[in-house]
Amino acid sequence: MPKYLFKVKLTPDGLKGLLKEGGSKRREVVGRTVEGLGGRVETMYWAFGDDDVYVMAELPGNTSAAAMGMVVSAAGGVRTSTVVLLSPEEVDEAVRQQVDYRAPGA
């Protein structure tokens, strides 16, 4: 199953909700949301820096990942950015492909 990294930034309302519910409760909500899309959360961590939360999840495909990002962001508590993750085997497959490309000016 494809893997995705969701980078999450809390809005002020999202931070208020986190302060009220705590991290474990939010982890449960995220887990149920991902499971409802046919996937599973592998890891979820809060962080310092540009992003507040990182969620690594397996989902059936890009449309499920897009749906998750859109619906969660539209709710207003967070803004998400989604990164498609590739396994080493997928990278192996990619490097075996022939690509006809010319760099600009070459």
C-alpha atoms as a PDB file:
ATOM      1  CA  MET A   1       0.000   0.000   0.000  1.00  0.00           C
ATOM      2  CA  PRO A   2       1.403   3.474  -0.830  1.00  0.00           C
ATOM      3  CA  LYS A   3       2.845   5.557   1.997  1.00  0.00           C
ATOM      4  CA  TYR A   4       2.332   9.254   2.618  1.00  0.00           C
ATOM      5  CA  LEU A   5       3.809  11.835   4.954  1.00  0.00           C
ATOM      6  CA  PHE A   6       1.337  14.477   6.083  1.00  0.00           C
ATOM      7  CA  LYS A   7       3.014  17.633   7.373  1.00  0.00           C
ATOM      8  CA  VAL A   8       0.557  19.483   9.587  1.00  0.00           C
ATOM      9  CA  LYS A   9       0.488  23.080  10.801  1.00  0.00           C
ATOM     10  CA  LEU A  10      -1.975  23.882  13.558  1.00  0.00           C
ATOM     11  CA  THR A  11      -4.148  26.981  13.212  1.00  0.00           C
ATOM     12  CA  PRO A  12      -5.016  28.937  16.370  1.00  0.00           C
ATOM     13  CA  ASP A  13      -8.293  26.979  16.571  1.00  0.00           C
ATOM     14  CA  GLY A  14      -6.417  23.711  16.114  1.00  0.00           C
ATOM     15  CA  LEU A  15      -4.028  24.628  18.902  1.00  0.00           C
ATOM     16  CA  LYS A  16      -6.959  25.421  21.201  1.00  0.00           C
ATOM     17  CA  GLY A  17      -8.424  22.002  20.410  1.00  0.00           C
ATOM     18  CA  LEU A  18      -5.094  20.299  21.094  1.00  0.00           C
ATOM     19  CA  LEU A  19      -4.794  22.065  24.442  1.00  0.00           C
ATOM     20  CA  LYS A  20      -8.316  20.918  25.313  1.00  0.00           C
ATOM     21  CA  GLU A  21      -8.082  17.285  24.100  1.00  0.00           C
ATOM     22  CA  GLY A  22      -4.373  16.431  24.256  1.00  0.00           C
ATOM     23  CA  GLY A  23      -2.152  14.597  21.798  1.00  0.00           C
ATOM     24  CA  SER A  24      -3.351  11.054  22.456  1.00  0.00           C
ATOM     25  CA  LYS A  25      -6.962  11.939  21.690  1.00  0.00           C
ATOM     26  CA  ARG A  26      -5.936  13.632  18.436  1.00  0.00           C
ATOM     27  CA  ARG A  27      -3.921  10.525  17.522  1.00  0.00           C
ATOM     28  CA  GLU A  28      -7.071   8.423  17.976  1.00  0.00           C
ATOM     29  CA  VAL A  29      -9.068  10.769  15.733  1.00  0.00           C
ATOM     30  CA  VAL A  30      -6.410  10.702  13.017  1.00  0.00           C
ATOM     31  CA  GLY A  31      -6.204   6.900  13.268  1.00  0.00           C
ATOM     32  CA  ARG A  32      -9.965   6.525  12.802  1.00  0.00           C
ATOM     33  CA  THR A  33      -9.928   8.940   9.870  1.00  0.00           C
ATOM     34  CA  VAL A  34      -7.150   7.060   8.083  1.00  0.00           C
ATOM     35  CA  GLU A  35      -8.747   3.681   8.827  1.00  0.00           C
ATOM     36  CA  GLY A  36     -12.034   4.980   7.415  1.00  0.00           C
ATOM     37  CA  LEU A  37     -10.198   5.556   4.131  1.00  0.00           C
ATOM     38  CA  GLY A  38      -8.891   1.985   4.151  1.00  0.00           C
ATOM     39  CA  GLY A  39      -5.433   2.796   5.515  1.00  0.00           C
ATOM     40  CA  ARG A  40      -3.418   2.819   8.702  1.00  0.00           C
ATOM     41  CA  VAL A  41      -1.258   5.291  10.596  1.00  0.00           C
ATOM     42  CA  GLU A  42       2.338   4.108  10.957  1.00  0.00           C
ATOM     43  CA  THR A  43       3.624   6.998  13.063  1.00  0.00           C
ATOM     44  CA  MET A  44       2.465  10.349  14.374  1.00  0.00           C
ATOM     45  CA  TYR A  45       4.786  12.828  16.047  1.00  0.00           C
ATOM     46  CA  TRP A  46       4.486  16.388  17.296  1.00  0.00           C
ATOM     47  CA  ALA A  47       7.469  18.586  16.500  1.00  0.00           C
ATOM     48  CA  PHE A  48       9.148  21.936  16.942  1.00  0.00           C
ATOM     49  CA  GLY A  49       9.747  24.030  13.834  1.00  0.00           C
ATOM     50  CA  ASP A  50       7.813  24.892  10.707  1.00  0.00           C
ATOM     51  CA  ASP A  51       5.431  21.948  11.087  1.00  0.00           C
ATOM     52  CA  ASP A  52       3.618  20.964  14.264  1.00  0.00           C
ATOM     53  CA  VAL A  53       2.758  17.346  13.477  1.00  0.00           C
ATOM     54  CA  TYR A  54       4.089  14.644  11.149  1.00  0.00           C
ATOM     55  CA  VAL A  55       1.847  11.711  10.266  1.00  0.00           C
ATOM     56  CA  MET A  56       3.139   8.785   8.215  1.00  0.00           C
ATOM     57  CA  ALA A  57       0.287   6.683   6.889  1.00  0.00           C
ATOM     58  CA  GLU A  58      -0.464   3.930   4.418  1.00  0.00           C
ATOM     59  CA  LEU A  59      -3.466   4.676   2.210  1.00  0.00           C
ATOM     60  CA  PRO A  60      -4.955   2.890  -0.803  1.00  0.00           C
ATOM     61  CA  GLY A  61      -3.752   5.574  -3.226  1.00  0.00           C
ATOM     62  CA  ASN A  62      -3.364   9.201  -4.196  1.00  0.00           C
ATOM     63  CA  THR A  63      -7.084   9.928  -4.238  1.00  0.00           C
ATOM     64  CA  SER A  64      -7.431   8.751  -0.626  1.00  0.00           C
ATOM     65  CA  ALA A  65      -4.433  10.862   0.396  1.00  0.00           C
ATOM     66  CA  ALA A  66      -5.858  13.880  -1.427  1.00  0.00           C
ATOM     67  CA  ALA A  67      -9.261  13.388   0.200  1.00  0.00           C
ATOM     68  CA  MET A  68      -7.665  13.204   3.627  1.00  0.00           C
ATOM     69  CA  GLY A  69      -5.652  16.379   3.110  1.00  0.00           C
ATOM     70  CA  MET A  70      -8.549  18.345   1.659  1.00  0.00           C
ATOM     71  CA  VAL A  71     -11.158  17.343   4.247  1.00  0.00           C
ATOM     72  CA  VAL A  72      -8.840  17.774   7.231  1.00  0.00           C
ATOM     73  CA  SER A  73      -7.614  21.192   6.025  1.00  0.00           C
ATOM     74  CA  ALA A  74     -11.143  22.332   5.161  1.00  0.00           C
ATOM     75  CA  ALA A  75     -12.245  21.672   8.752  1.00  0.00           C
ATOM     76  CA  GLY A  76     -10.093  24.658   9.754  1.00  0.00           C
ATOM     77  CA  GLY A  77      -8.010  23.310  12.640  1.00  0.00           C
ATOM     78  CA  VAL A  78      -4.929  22.556  10.560  1.00  0.00           C
ATOM     79  CA  ARG A  79      -3.287  23.075   7.192  1.00  0.00           C
ATOM     80  CA  THR A  80      -1.747  19.992   5.627  1.00  0.00           C
ATOM     81  CA  SER A  81       0.927  19.288   3.063  1.00  0.00           C
ATOM     82  CA  THR A  82       1.231  15.767   1.656  1.00  0.00           C
ATOM     83  CA  VAL A  83       4.430  14.039   0.544  1.00  0.00           C
ATOM     84  CA  VAL A  84       4.236  10.813  -1.485  1.00  0.00           C
ATOM     85  CA  LEU A  85       6.854   8.390  -0.136  1.00  0.00           C
ATOM     86  CA  LEU A  86       8.653   5.842  -2.313  1.00  0.00           C
ATOM     87  CA  SER A  87      10.124   2.547  -1.174  1.00  0.00           C
ATOM     88  CA  PRO A  88      13.664   1.567  -2.225  1.00  0.00           C
ATOM     89  CA  GLU A  89      12.115  -0.911  -4.666  1.00  0.00           C
ATOM     90  CA  GLU A  90      10.017   1.817  -6.263  1.00  0.00           C
ATOM     91  CA  VAL A  91      13.136   3.941  -6.684  1.00  0.00           C
ATOM     92  CA  ASP A  92      14.861   0.928  -8.283  1.00  0.00           C
ATOM     93  CA  GLU A  93      11.966   0.660 -10.736  1.00  0.00           C
ATOM     94  CA  ALA A  94      12.158   4.386 -11.466  1.00  0.00           C
ATOM     95  CA  VAL A  95      15.894   4.361 -12.236  1.00  0.00           C
ATOM     96  CA  ARG A  96      15.421   1.467 -14.678  1.00  0.00           C
ATOM     97  CA  GLN A  97      12.988   3.509 -16.784  1.00  0.00           C
ATOM     98  CA  GLN A  98      14.293   5.184 -19.915  1.00  0.00           C
ATOM     99  CA  VAL A  99      13.520   8.905 -19.953  1.00  0.00           C
ATOM    100  CA  ASP A 100      14.072  11.033 -23.066  1.00  0.00           C
ATOM    101  CA  TYR A 101      14.992  14.484 -21.720  1.00  0.00           C
ATOM    102  CA  ARG A 102      17.227  17.406 -22.711  1.00  0.00           C
ATOM    103  CA  ALA A 103      18.222  20.073 -20.156  1.00  0.00           C
ATOM    104  CA  PRO A 104      17.434  23.682 -21.094  1.00  0.00           C
ATOM    105  CA  GLY A 105      20.192  25.104 -23.296  1.00  0.00           C
ATOM    106  CA  ALA A 106      21.914  21.753 -23.758  1.00  0.00           C
END
